[in-house]
Amino acid sequence: MSYERFHPAPVPRWRERLGQYWKLVRGDRPIGWLLLLWPTWWGLWVAAEGVPPWWTLVVFSLGVWLTRSAGCVINDYADRWLDPQVERTKDRPLATGALRGREALVLFAVLMLAAFALVLTLNRLTILMSFVGVALAASYPYLKRYTYLPQVYLGMAFGWGIPMAFAAVQGTVPPVAWLLYGANILWSTAYDTWYAMVDRDDDIRMGAKSTAILFGDADLGIQGVLYALVFAALALAGQQAGLGAWYFGGLGVAALLVAWEFVITRDRDRDACFRAFLHNHWVGLAVFAGIALDYFMATEAGARLLSL
């Protein structure tokens, strides 16, 4: 029986450090990237009325990962006073001291510069709008100290890719872009409230603020109103964009998925609220699938498929 079986070789220092950085950018948890990707793709597909130009799609898809990663870094930097006191976050690299605040700031800068380098390949309006995106991403984590509405601000940051997508594809930002942006703010507020409900007791104890604390015992009712407004805004956006049955079918599937979230969270169990938060990935995908299918079925290839 080998010695190595009972005494595994120590992990090299460089590999351990890379693992900590990977945890800091939430590389092991893609849910945030997906929740940012779907609304960005909503905007791209509606702006292009179908599949967007390939380079624009590459820039925005890579930009989603880079900016989401940067957002996680600056969030953990801002919350390094809070995370050690919260059960769910106490093992994050800055909370444990595995990484220092200065390292986090350098990584944030590198990620944002990489995203900005991609944006520089697009038009002037998109470049100018990217500065707003940087400001939103950098300032969001500090909102929980001063307001009960950081989830609303998260929606503003997570959805900024929508008007930027229209700027990149069309060179302008029409009203339908702002409708989609508003729908995303409402959606992000709703799904991040599920997330905040997981941490509500810890946040109250530490003096942090959230919509879950603000809503109190009325949380489920207000969540219902928020999701109703999400679908109303998406329906209006679809009408303005000239989308048809496939799109509204996608909205119907998304609505059923949301209904399931209310079923499992009726007792406000922490694990159930976290599952509801994660489940919104499928809601965003259902909306995107409706958009993509509607445009595809309007093409000649889609018409041939329907005639089979």
C-alpha atoms as a PDB file:
ATOM      1  CA  MET A   1       0.000   0.000   0.000  1.00  0.00           C
ATOM      2  CA  SER A   2       1.551   3.263  -1.170  1.00  0.00           C
ATOM      3  CA  TYR A   3       2.625   6.119   1.072  1.00  0.00           C
ATOM      4  CA  GLU A   4       0.906   8.621  -1.262  1.00  0.00           C
ATOM      5  CA  ARG A   5      -2.474   7.034  -0.611  1.00  0.00           C
ATOM      6  CA  PHE A   6      -2.392   8.200   2.994  1.00  0.00           C
ATOM      7  CA  HIS A   7      -0.184  11.259   2.501  1.00  0.00           C
ATOM      8  CA  PRO A   8      -1.220  13.003  -0.732  1.00  0.00           C
ATOM      9  CA  ALA A   9       1.263  15.428  -2.226  1.00  0.00           C
ATOM     10  CA  PRO A  10       0.685  19.022  -1.120  1.00  0.00           C
ATOM     11  CA  VAL A  11      -1.017  21.304  -3.613  1.00  0.00           C
ATOM     12  CA  PRO A  12       1.544  23.628  -5.264  1.00  0.00           C
ATOM     13  CA  ARG A  13       1.336  27.217  -4.051  1.00  0.00           C
ATOM     14  CA  TRP A  14       0.553  28.610  -7.511  1.00  0.00           C
ATOM     15  CA  ARG A  15      -2.309  26.165  -7.985  1.00  0.00           C
ATOM     16  CA  GLU A  16      -3.771  26.993  -4.582  1.00  0.00           C
ATOM     17  CA  ARG A  17      -3.606  30.714  -5.421  1.00  0.00           C
ATOM     18  CA  LEU A  18      -5.307  30.193  -8.779  1.00  0.00           C
ATOM     19  CA  GLY A  19      -8.025  28.230  -7.000  1.00  0.00           C
ATOM     20  CA  GLN A  20      -8.626  31.128  -4.627  1.00  0.00           C
ATOM     21  CA  TYR A  21      -8.878  33.602  -7.506  1.00  0.00           C
ATOM     22  CA  TRP A  22     -11.270  31.228  -9.295  1.00  0.00           C
ATOM     23  CA  LYS A  23     -13.450  31.160  -6.186  1.00  0.00           C
ATOM     24  CA  LEU A  24     -13.281  34.946  -5.923  1.00  0.00           C
ATOM     25  CA  VAL A  25     -14.680  35.399  -9.452  1.00  0.00           C
ATOM     26  CA  ARG A  26     -17.271  32.633  -8.763  1.00  0.00           C
ATOM     27  CA  GLY A  27     -15.883  30.518 -11.576  1.00  0.00           C
ATOM     28  CA  ASP A  28     -17.289  27.506  -9.762  1.00  0.00           C
ATOM     29  CA  ARG A  29     -20.777  29.043  -9.683  1.00  0.00           C
ATOM     30  CA  PRO A  30     -21.993  30.000 -13.174  1.00  0.00           C
ATOM     31  CA  ILE A  31     -25.505  31.060 -12.102  1.00  0.00           C
ATOM     32  CA  GLY A  32     -24.635  34.767 -11.945  1.00  0.00           C
ATOM     33  CA  TRP A  33     -23.089  34.642 -15.415  1.00  0.00           C
ATOM     34  CA  LEU A  34     -26.215  32.990 -16.823  1.00  0.00           C
ATOM     35  CA  LEU A  35     -28.567  35.476 -15.156  1.00  0.00           C
ATOM     36  CA  LEU A  36     -26.563  38.246 -16.820  1.00  0.00           C
ATOM     37  CA  LEU A  37     -26.220  36.454 -20.165  1.00  0.00           C
ATOM     38  CA  TRP A  38     -29.899  35.837 -20.916  1.00  0.00           C
ATOM     39  CA  PRO A  39     -31.126  39.460 -20.790  1.00  0.00           C
ATOM     40  CA  THR A  40     -28.059  40.555 -22.761  1.00  0.00           C
ATOM     41  CA  TRP A  41     -29.002  38.035 -25.440  1.00  0.00           C
ATOM     42  CA  TRP A  42     -32.621  39.230 -25.287  1.00  0.00           C
ATOM     43  CA  GLY A  43     -31.346  42.663 -26.264  1.00  0.00           C
ATOM     44  CA  LEU A  44     -28.985  41.394 -28.961  1.00  0.00           C
ATOM     45  CA  TRP A  45     -31.598  39.210 -30.691  1.00  0.00           C
ATOM     46  CA  VAL A  46     -34.334  41.859 -30.603  1.00  0.00           C
ATOM     47  CA  ALA A  47     -31.933  44.566 -31.788  1.00  0.00           C
ATOM     48  CA  ALA A  48     -30.754  42.410 -34.707  1.00  0.00           C
ATOM     49  CA  GLU A  49     -34.215  40.906 -35.319  1.00  0.00           C
ATOM     50  CA  GLY A  50     -32.572  37.507 -35.218  1.00  0.00           C
ATOM     51  CA  VAL A  51     -29.011  36.248 -34.832  1.00  0.00           C
ATOM     52  CA  PRO A  52     -26.737  39.265 -34.213  1.00  0.00           C
ATOM     53  CA  PRO A  53     -23.403  39.858 -36.011  1.00  0.00           C
ATOM     54  CA  TRP A  54     -20.951  37.197 -34.854  1.00  0.00           C
ATOM     55  CA  TRP A  55     -18.314  39.569 -33.454  1.00  0.00           C
ATOM     56  CA  THR A  56     -20.900  41.572 -31.532  1.00  0.00           C
ATOM     57  CA  LEU A  57     -22.194  38.311 -30.065  1.00  0.00           C
ATOM     58  CA  VAL A  58     -18.650  37.291 -29.060  1.00  0.00           C
ATOM     59  CA  VAL A  59     -17.892  40.680 -27.478  1.00  0.00           C
ATOM     60  CA  PHE A  60     -21.066  40.745 -25.411  1.00  0.00           C
ATOM     61  CA  SER A  61     -20.872  37.078 -24.363  1.00  0.00           C
ATOM     62  CA  LEU A  62     -17.259  37.388 -23.211  1.00  0.00           C
ATOM     63  CA  GLY A  63     -18.050  40.780 -21.707  1.00  0.00           C
ATOM     64  CA  VAL A  64     -20.829  39.223 -19.648  1.00  0.00           C
ATOM     65  CA  TRP A  65     -18.389  36.765 -18.055  1.00  0.00           C
ATOM     66  CA  LEU A  66     -15.735  39.420 -17.453  1.00  0.00           C
ATOM     67  CA  THR A  67     -18.075  42.008 -15.945  1.00  0.00           C
ATOM     68  CA  ARG A  68     -19.910  39.470 -13.817  1.00  0.00           C
ATOM     69  CA  SER A  69     -16.572  38.210 -12.507  1.00  0.00           C
ATOM     70  CA  ALA A  70     -15.459  41.775 -11.804  1.00  0.00           C
ATOM     71  CA  GLY A  71     -18.757  42.424 -10.034  1.00  0.00           C
ATOM     72  CA  CYS A  72     -18.198  39.415  -7.767  1.00  0.00           C
ATOM     73  CA  VAL A  73     -14.712  40.645  -6.900  1.00  0.00           C
ATOM     74  CA  ILE A  74     -15.779  44.177  -5.998  1.00  0.00           C
ATOM     75  CA  ASN A  75     -18.809  42.799  -4.129  1.00  0.00           C
ATOM     76  CA  ASP A  76     -16.583  40.630  -1.940  1.00  0.00           C
ATOM     77  CA  TYR A  77     -14.201  43.538  -1.430  1.00  0.00           C
ATOM     78  CA  ALA A  78     -17.068  45.745  -0.258  1.00  0.00           C
ATOM     79  CA  ASP A  79     -18.509  42.947   1.925  1.00  0.00           C
ATOM     80  CA  ARG A  80     -15.251  41.791   3.528  1.00  0.00           C
ATOM     81  CA  TRP A  81     -16.588  43.221   6.820  1.00  0.00           C
ATOM     82  CA  LEU A  82     -19.868  41.318   6.492  1.00  0.00           C
ATOM     83  CA  ASP A  83     -19.036  37.986   4.837  1.00  0.00           C
ATOM     84  CA  PRO A  84     -17.151  36.442   7.804  1.00  0.00           C
ATOM     85  CA  GLN A  85     -20.319  36.845   9.895  1.00  0.00           C
ATOM     86  CA  VAL A  86     -22.678  35.195   7.374  1.00  0.00           C
ATOM     87  CA  GLU A  87     -22.898  31.405   7.245  1.00  0.00           C
ATOM     88  CA  ARG A  88     -23.227  31.249   3.442  1.00  0.00           C
ATOM     89  CA  THR A  89     -20.275  33.564   2.729  1.00  0.00           C
ATOM     90  CA  LYS A  90     -17.809  32.962   5.563  1.00  0.00           C
ATOM     91  CA  ASP A  91     -15.564  30.748   3.396  1.00  0.00           C
ATOM     92  CA  ARG A  92     -15.038  33.267   0.582  1.00  0.00           C
ATOM     93  CA  PRO A  93     -11.347  34.067  -0.089  1.00  0.00           C
ATOM     94  CA  LEU A  94     -11.445  37.628   1.271  1.00  0.00           C
ATOM     95  CA  ALA A  95     -13.510  36.572   4.274  1.00  0.00           C
ATOM     96  CA  THR A  96     -10.985  33.894   5.254  1.00  0.00           C
ATOM     97  CA  GLY A  97      -7.954  36.065   4.527  1.00  0.00           C
ATOM     98  CA  ALA A  98      -6.714  33.722   1.781  1.00  0.00           C
ATOM     99  CA  LEU A  99      -6.588  36.788  -0.491  1.00  0.00           C
ATOM    100  CA  ARG A 100      -6.033  40.424   0.443  1.00  0.00           C
ATOM    101  CA  GLY A 101      -8.147  43.423  -0.460  1.00  0.00           C
ATOM    102  CA  ARG A 102      -5.380  44.879  -2.620  1.00  0.00           C
ATOM    103  CA  GLU A 103      -5.281  41.716  -4.708  1.00  0.00           C
ATOM    104  CA  ALA A 104      -9.030  41.933  -5.223  1.00  0.00           C
ATOM    105  CA  LEU A 105      -8.804  45.529  -6.449  1.00  0.00           C
ATOM    106  CA  VAL A 106      -6.048  44.642  -8.926  1.00  0.00           C
ATOM    107  CA  LEU A 107      -8.080  41.706 -10.250  1.00  0.00           C
ATOM    108  CA  PHE A 108     -11.174  43.918 -10.564  1.00  0.00           C
ATOM    109  CA  ALA A 109      -9.181  46.432 -12.617  1.00  0.00           C
ATOM    110  CA  VAL A 110      -7.749  43.721 -14.890  1.00  0.00           C
ATOM    111  CA  LEU A 111     -11.156  42.203 -15.578  1.00  0.00           C
ATOM    112  CA  MET A 112     -12.784  45.561 -16.320  1.00  0.00           C
ATOM    113  CA  LEU A 113      -9.902  46.606 -18.594  1.00  0.00           C
ATOM    114  CA  ALA A 114     -10.243  43.348 -20.527  1.00  0.00           C
ATOM    115  CA  ALA A 115     -13.982  43.979 -20.944  1.00  0.00           C
ATOM    116  CA  PHE A 116     -13.298  47.565 -22.025  1.00  0.00           C
ATOM    117  CA  ALA A 117     -10.748  46.361 -24.592  1.00  0.00           C
ATOM    118  CA  LEU A 118     -13.498  44.262 -26.182  1.00  0.00           C
ATOM    119  CA  VAL A 119     -15.930  47.190 -26.182  1.00  0.00           C
ATOM    120  CA  LEU A 120     -13.343  49.355 -27.970  1.00  0.00           C
ATOM    121  CA  THR A 121     -13.917  47.220 -31.081  1.00  0.00           C
ATOM    122  CA  LEU A 122     -17.519  48.471 -31.267  1.00  0.00           C
ATOM    123  CA  ASN A 123     -19.037  51.859 -32.147  1.00  0.00           C
ATOM    124  CA  ARG A 124     -18.659  55.135 -30.279  1.00  0.00           C
ATOM    125  CA  LEU A 125     -22.090  55.096 -28.601  1.00  0.00           C
ATOM    126  CA  THR A 126     -21.454  51.633 -27.151  1.00  0.00           C
ATOM    127  CA  ILE A 127     -18.056  52.734 -25.846  1.00  0.00           C
ATOM    128  CA  LEU A 128     -19.556  55.781 -24.146  1.00  0.00           C
ATOM    129  CA  MET A 129     -22.332  53.692 -22.579  1.00  0.00           C
ATOM    130  CA  SER A 130     -19.773  51.254 -21.195  1.00  0.00           C
ATOM    131  CA  PHE A 131     -18.599  53.915 -18.735  1.00  0.00           C
ATOM    132  CA  VAL A 132     -22.067  53.900 -17.176  1.00  0.00           C
ATOM    133  CA  GLY A 133     -21.817  50.117 -16.913  1.00  0.00           C
ATOM    134  CA  VAL A 134     -18.500  50.369 -15.067  1.00  0.00           C
ATOM    135  CA  ALA A 135     -19.946  52.907 -12.625  1.00  0.00           C
ATOM    136  CA  LEU A 136     -22.974  50.702 -11.941  1.00  0.00           C
ATOM    137  CA  ALA A 137     -20.871  47.573 -11.394  1.00  0.00           C
ATOM    138  CA  ALA A 138     -18.386  49.326  -9.099  1.00  0.00           C
ATOM    139  CA  SER A 139     -20.939  51.108  -6.935  1.00  0.00           C
ATOM    140  CA  TYR A 140     -23.607  48.397  -6.551  1.00  0.00           C
ATOM    141  CA  PRO A 141     -21.999  46.505  -3.620  1.00  0.00           C
ATOM    142  CA  TYR A 142     -22.018  49.578  -1.379  1.00  0.00           C
ATOM    143  CA  LEU A 143     -25.762  50.162  -1.701  1.00  0.00           C
ATOM    144  CA  LYS A 144     -26.690  47.612   0.977  1.00  0.00           C
ATOM    145  CA  ARG A 145     -25.142  49.897   3.593  1.00  0.00           C
ATOM    146  CA  TYR A 146     -27.300  52.894   2.729  1.00  0.00           C
ATOM    147  CA  THR A 147     -30.538  51.690   1.128  1.00  0.00           C
ATOM    148  CA  TYR A 148     -32.976  48.812   1.320  1.00  0.00           C
ATOM    149  CA  LEU A 149     -33.045  48.608  -2.487  1.00  0.00           C
ATOM    150  CA  PRO A 150     -29.675  47.156  -3.575  1.00  0.00           C
ATOM    151  CA  GLN A 151     -31.604  44.517  -5.547  1.00  0.00           C
ATOM    152  CA  VAL A 152     -33.085  47.270  -7.744  1.00  0.00           C
ATOM    153  CA  TYR A 153     -29.627  48.670  -8.369  1.00  0.00           C
ATOM    154  CA  LEU A 154     -28.402  45.160  -9.204  1.00  0.00           C
ATOM    155  CA  GLY A 155     -31.048  45.043 -11.915  1.00  0.00           C
ATOM    156  CA  MET A 156     -29.790  48.335 -13.297  1.00  0.00           C
ATOM    157  CA  ALA A 157     -26.236  46.952 -13.409  1.00  0.00           C
ATOM    158  CA  PHE A 158     -27.128  43.480 -14.700  1.00  0.00           C
ATOM    159  CA  GLY A 159     -29.415  44.851 -17.404  1.00  0.00           C
ATOM    160  CA  TRP A 160     -27.159  47.567 -18.784  1.00  0.00           C
ATOM    161  CA  GLY A 161     -26.061  45.161 -21.504  1.00  0.00           C
ATOM    162  CA  ILE A 162     -29.526  45.521 -23.059  1.00  0.00           C
ATOM    163  CA  PRO A 163     -29.326  49.189 -24.134  1.00  0.00           C
ATOM    164  CA  MET A 164     -25.643  48.624 -24.965  1.00  0.00           C
ATOM    165  CA  ALA A 165     -26.652  45.756 -27.258  1.00  0.00           C
ATOM    166  CA  PHE A 166     -29.035  48.029 -29.160  1.00  0.00           C
ATOM    167  CA  ALA A 167     -26.351  50.693 -29.365  1.00  0.00           C
ATOM    168  CA  ALA A 168     -23.894  48.157 -30.796  1.00  0.00           C
ATOM    169  CA  VAL A 169     -26.298  46.658 -33.353  1.00  0.00           C
ATOM    170  CA  GLN A 170     -28.447  49.640 -34.353  1.00  0.00           C
ATOM    171  CA  GLY A 171     -26.320  52.622 -33.347  1.00  0.00           C
ATOM    172  CA  THR A 172     -29.227  53.932 -31.279  1.00  0.00           C
ATOM    173  CA  VAL A 173     -31.288  52.951 -28.240  1.00  0.00           C
ATOM    174  CA  PRO A 174     -35.013  52.823 -29.153  1.00  0.00           C
ATOM    175  CA  PRO A 175     -37.920  52.723 -26.651  1.00  0.00           C
ATOM    176  CA  VAL A 176     -38.221  48.919 -26.841  1.00  0.00           C
ATOM    177  CA  ALA A 177     -34.673  48.663 -25.453  1.00  0.00           C
ATOM    178  CA  TRP A 178     -35.677  50.649 -22.375  1.00  0.00           C
ATOM    179  CA  LEU A 179     -38.785  48.487 -21.959  1.00  0.00           C
ATOM    180  CA  LEU A 180     -36.622  45.364 -21.932  1.00  0.00           C
ATOM    181  CA  TYR A 181     -34.234  47.111 -19.554  1.00  0.00           C
ATOM    182  CA  GLY A 182     -37.101  47.961 -17.202  1.00  0.00           C
ATOM    183  CA  ALA A 183     -38.345  44.368 -17.359  1.00  0.00           C
ATOM    184  CA  ASN A 184     -34.892  43.154 -16.388  1.00  0.00           C
ATOM    185  CA  ILE A 185     -34.692  45.558 -13.440  1.00  0.00           C
ATOM    186  CA  LEU A 186     -37.973  44.158 -12.141  1.00  0.00           C
ATOM    187  CA  TRP A 187     -36.880  40.561 -12.781  1.00  0.00           C
ATOM    188  CA  SER A 188     -33.484  41.042 -11.110  1.00  0.00           C
ATOM    189  CA  THR A 189     -35.161  42.681  -8.114  1.00  0.00           C
ATOM    190  CA  ALA A 190     -37.472  39.679  -7.807  1.00  0.00           C
ATOM    191  CA  TYR A 191     -34.917  36.901  -8.141  1.00  0.00           C
ATOM    192  CA  ASP A 192     -32.347  38.663  -5.977  1.00  0.00           C
ATOM    193  CA  THR A 193     -35.012  39.088  -3.298  1.00  0.00           C
ATOM    194  CA  TRP A 194     -35.219  35.275  -3.155  1.00  0.00           C
ATOM    195  CA  TYR A 195     -31.454  35.361  -2.593  1.00  0.00           C
ATOM    196  CA  ALA A 196     -31.759  38.071   0.065  1.00  0.00           C
ATOM    197  CA  MET A 197     -34.404  36.025   1.882  1.00  0.00           C
ATOM    198  CA  VAL A 198     -31.741  33.359   2.443  1.00  0.00           C
ATOM    199  CA  ASP A 199     -29.526  35.850   4.301  1.00  0.00           C
ATOM    200  CA  ARG A 200     -32.242  37.954   5.917  1.00  0.00           C
ATOM    201  CA  ASP A 201     -31.559  36.981   9.531  1.00  0.00           C
ATOM    202  CA  ASP A 202     -27.789  37.438   9.166  1.00  0.00           C
ATOM    203  CA  ASP A 203     -28.229  40.776   7.369  1.00  0.00           C
ATOM    204  CA  ILE A 204     -30.511  42.117  10.110  1.00  0.00           C
ATOM    205  CA  ARG A 205     -27.990  41.088  12.757  1.00  0.00           C
ATOM    206  CA  MET A 206     -25.108  42.784  10.899  1.00  0.00           C
ATOM    207  CA  GLY A 207     -27.003  45.935   9.910  1.00  0.00           C
ATOM    208  CA  ALA A 208     -27.035  45.282   6.146  1.00  0.00           C
ATOM    209  CA  LYS A 209     -30.108  46.204   4.109  1.00  0.00           C
ATOM    210  CA  SER A 210     -32.107  44.434   1.399  1.00  0.00           C
ATOM    211  CA  THR A 211     -35.542  44.241  -0.200  1.00  0.00           C
ATOM    212  CA  ALA A 212     -36.170  41.053   1.796  1.00  0.00           C
ATOM    213  CA  ILE A 213     -35.841  43.075   5.009  1.00  0.00           C
ATOM    214  CA  LEU A 214     -37.869  45.966   3.587  1.00  0.00           C
ATOM    215  CA  PHE A 215     -40.730  43.713   2.434  1.00  0.00           C
ATOM    216  CA  GLY A 216     -40.872  41.809   5.731  1.00  0.00           C
ATOM    217  CA  ASP A 217     -43.906  39.563   6.104  1.00  0.00           C
ATOM    218  CA  ALA A 218     -45.350  40.932   2.853  1.00  0.00           C
ATOM    219  CA  ASP A 219     -42.422  39.490   0.867  1.00  0.00           C
ATOM    220  CA  LEU A 220     -44.321  36.793  -1.029  1.00  0.00           C
ATOM    221  CA  GLY A 221     -47.126  39.151  -1.978  1.00  0.00           C
ATOM    222  CA  ILE A 222     -44.721  41.802  -3.227  1.00  0.00           C
ATOM    223  CA  GLN A 223     -42.773  39.144  -5.102  1.00  0.00           C
ATOM    224  CA  GLY A 224     -46.001  38.229  -6.871  1.00  0.00           C
ATOM    225  CA  VAL A 225     -46.528  41.857  -7.891  1.00  0.00           C
ATOM    226  CA  LEU A 226     -42.928  42.154  -9.109  1.00  0.00           C
ATOM    227  CA  TYR A 227     -43.147  39.066 -11.298  1.00  0.00           C
ATOM    228  CA  ALA A 228     -46.522  40.198 -12.674  1.00  0.00           C
ATOM    229  CA  LEU A 229     -44.903  43.505 -13.672  1.00  0.00           C
ATOM    230  CA  VAL A 230     -41.983  41.605 -15.251  1.00  0.00           C
ATOM    231  CA  PHE A 231     -44.303  39.703 -17.560  1.00  0.00           C
ATOM    232  CA  ALA A 232     -46.383  42.794 -18.319  1.00  0.00           C
ATOM    233  CA  ALA A 233     -43.227  44.682 -19.370  1.00  0.00           C
ATOM    234  CA  LEU A 234     -41.966  41.727 -21.421  1.00  0.00           C
ATOM    235  CA  ALA A 235     -45.333  41.382 -23.146  1.00  0.00           C
ATOM    236  CA  LEU A 236     -45.367  45.079 -24.010  1.00  0.00           C
ATOM    237  CA  ALA A 237     -41.784  44.878 -25.277  1.00  0.00           C
ATOM    238  CA  GLY A 238     -42.674  41.881 -27.428  1.00  0.00           C
ATOM    239  CA  GLN A 239     -45.649  43.738 -28.861  1.00  0.00           C
ATOM    240  CA  GLN A 240     -43.485  46.750 -29.734  1.00  0.00           C
ATOM    241  CA  ALA A 241     -40.858  44.497 -31.318  1.00  0.00           C
ATOM    242  CA  GLY A 242     -43.488  42.744 -33.439  1.00  0.00           C
ATOM    243  CA  LEU A 243     -42.899  39.356 -31.838  1.00  0.00           C
ATOM    244  CA  GLY A 244     -45.587  36.720 -32.147  1.00  0.00           C
ATOM    245  CA  ALA A 245     -46.875  33.389 -30.871  1.00  0.00           C
ATOM    246  CA  TRP A 246     -43.519  31.717 -30.295  1.00  0.00           C
ATOM    247  CA  TYR A 247     -42.372  34.573 -28.085  1.00  0.00           C
ATOM    248  CA  PHE A 248     -45.559  34.644 -26.052  1.00  0.00           C
ATOM    249  CA  GLY A 249     -45.348  30.867 -25.744  1.00  0.00           C
ATOM    250  CA  GLY A 250     -41.907  31.354 -24.209  1.00  0.00           C
ATOM    251  CA  LEU A 251     -43.393  33.864 -21.771  1.00  0.00           C
ATOM    252  CA  GLY A 252     -46.033  31.302 -20.865  1.00  0.00           C
ATOM    253  CA  VAL A 253     -43.383  28.697 -20.055  1.00  0.00           C
ATOM    254  CA  ALA A 254     -41.459  31.289 -18.021  1.00  0.00           C
ATOM    255  CA  ALA A 255     -44.624  32.132 -16.067  1.00  0.00           C
ATOM    256  CA  LEU A 256     -45.147  28.454 -15.195  1.00  0.00           C
ATOM    257  CA  LEU A 257     -41.546  28.245 -13.989  1.00  0.00           C
ATOM    258  CA  VAL A 258     -42.096  31.264 -11.749  1.00  0.00           C
ATOM    259  CA  ALA A 259     -45.287  29.741 -10.381  1.00  0.00           C
ATOM    260  CA  TRP A 260     -43.252  26.720  -9.279  1.00  0.00           C
ATOM    261  CA  GLU A 261     -40.912  29.057  -7.372  1.00  0.00           C
ATOM    262  CA  PHE A 262     -43.843  30.333  -5.324  1.00  0.00           C
ATOM    263  CA  VAL A 263     -44.940  26.784  -4.585  1.00  0.00           C
ATOM    264  CA  ILE A 264     -41.594  25.777  -3.097  1.00  0.00           C
ATOM    265  CA  THR A 265     -41.062  29.039  -1.156  1.00  0.00           C
ATOM    266  CA  ARG A 266     -44.487  29.225   0.461  1.00  0.00           C
ATOM    267  CA  ASP A 267     -42.927  28.448   3.881  1.00  0.00           C
ATOM    268  CA  ARG A 268     -39.937  30.796   3.290  1.00  0.00           C
ATOM    269  CA  ASP A 269     -37.483  27.972   3.910  1.00  0.00           C
ATOM    270  CA  ARG A 270     -33.909  29.153   3.286  1.00  0.00           C
ATOM    271  CA  ASP A 271     -32.957  26.270   1.016  1.00  0.00           C
ATOM    272  CA  ALA A 272     -36.169  26.673  -0.969  1.00  0.00           C
ATOM    273  CA  CYS A 273     -35.554  30.401  -1.441  1.00  0.00           C
ATOM    274  CA  PHE A 274     -32.059  29.669  -2.696  1.00  0.00           C
ATOM    275  CA  ARG A 275     -33.415  27.065  -5.116  1.00  0.00           C
ATOM    276  CA  ALA A 276     -35.955  29.632  -6.368  1.00  0.00           C
ATOM    277  CA  PHE A 277     -33.126  32.087  -6.981  1.00  0.00           C
ATOM    278  CA  LEU A 278     -31.125  29.506  -8.963  1.00  0.00           C
ATOM    279  CA  HIS A 279     -34.250  28.493 -10.867  1.00  0.00           C
ATOM    280  CA  ASN A 280     -34.491  31.917 -12.515  1.00  0.00           C
ATOM    281  CA  HIS A 281     -31.803  30.805 -14.951  1.00  0.00           C
ATOM    282  CA  TRP A 282     -34.515  28.700 -16.608  1.00  0.00           C
ATOM    283  CA  VAL A 283     -36.906  31.653 -16.614  1.00  0.00           C
ATOM    284  CA  GLY A 284     -34.373  33.774 -18.510  1.00  0.00           C
ATOM    285  CA  LEU A 285     -33.678  30.896 -20.897  1.00  0.00           C
ATOM    286  CA  ALA A 286     -37.394  30.395 -21.615  1.00  0.00           C
ATOM    287  CA  VAL A 287     -37.796  34.071 -22.538  1.00  0.00           C
ATOM    288  CA  PHE A 288     -34.715  33.942 -24.769  1.00  0.00           C
ATOM    289  CA  ALA A 289     -35.895  30.730 -26.438  1.00  0.00           C
ATOM    290  CA  GLY A 290     -39.202  32.419 -27.251  1.00  0.00           C
ATOM    291  CA  ILE A 291     -37.398  35.395 -28.820  1.00  0.00           C
ATOM    292  CA  ALA A 292     -34.968  33.250 -30.819  1.00  0.00           C
ATOM    293  CA  LEU A 293     -37.661  30.842 -32.031  1.00  0.00           C
ATOM    294  CA  ASP A 294     -39.970  33.669 -33.074  1.00  0.00           C
ATOM    295  CA  TYR A 295     -37.316  35.260 -35.269  1.00  0.00           C
ATOM    296  CA  PHE A 296     -36.137  31.913 -36.631  1.00  0.00           C
ATOM    297  CA  MET A 297     -39.634  30.775 -37.567  1.00  0.00           C
ATOM    298  CA  ALA A 298     -40.072  34.005 -39.522  1.00  0.00           C
ATOM    299  CA  THR A 299     -37.127  33.078 -41.758  1.00  0.00           C
ATOM    300  CA  GLU A 300     -37.246  30.929 -44.852  1.00  0.00           C
ATOM    301  CA  ALA A 301     -35.542  28.072 -42.976  1.00  0.00           C
ATOM    302  CA  GLY A 302     -38.141  28.285 -40.239  1.00  0.00           C
ATOM    303  CA  ALA A 303     -40.969  28.304 -42.764  1.00  0.00           C
ATOM    304  CA  ARG A 304     -39.551  25.156 -44.383  1.00  0.00           C
ATOM    305  CA  LEU A 305     -39.322  23.497 -40.975  1.00  0.00           C
ATOM    306  CA  LEU A 306     -42.965  24.302 -40.247  1.00  0.00           C
ATOM    307  CA  SER A 307     -44.058  22.900 -43.610  1.00  0.00           C
ATOM    308  CA  LEU A 308     -42.525  19.457 -42.929  1.00  0.00           C
END
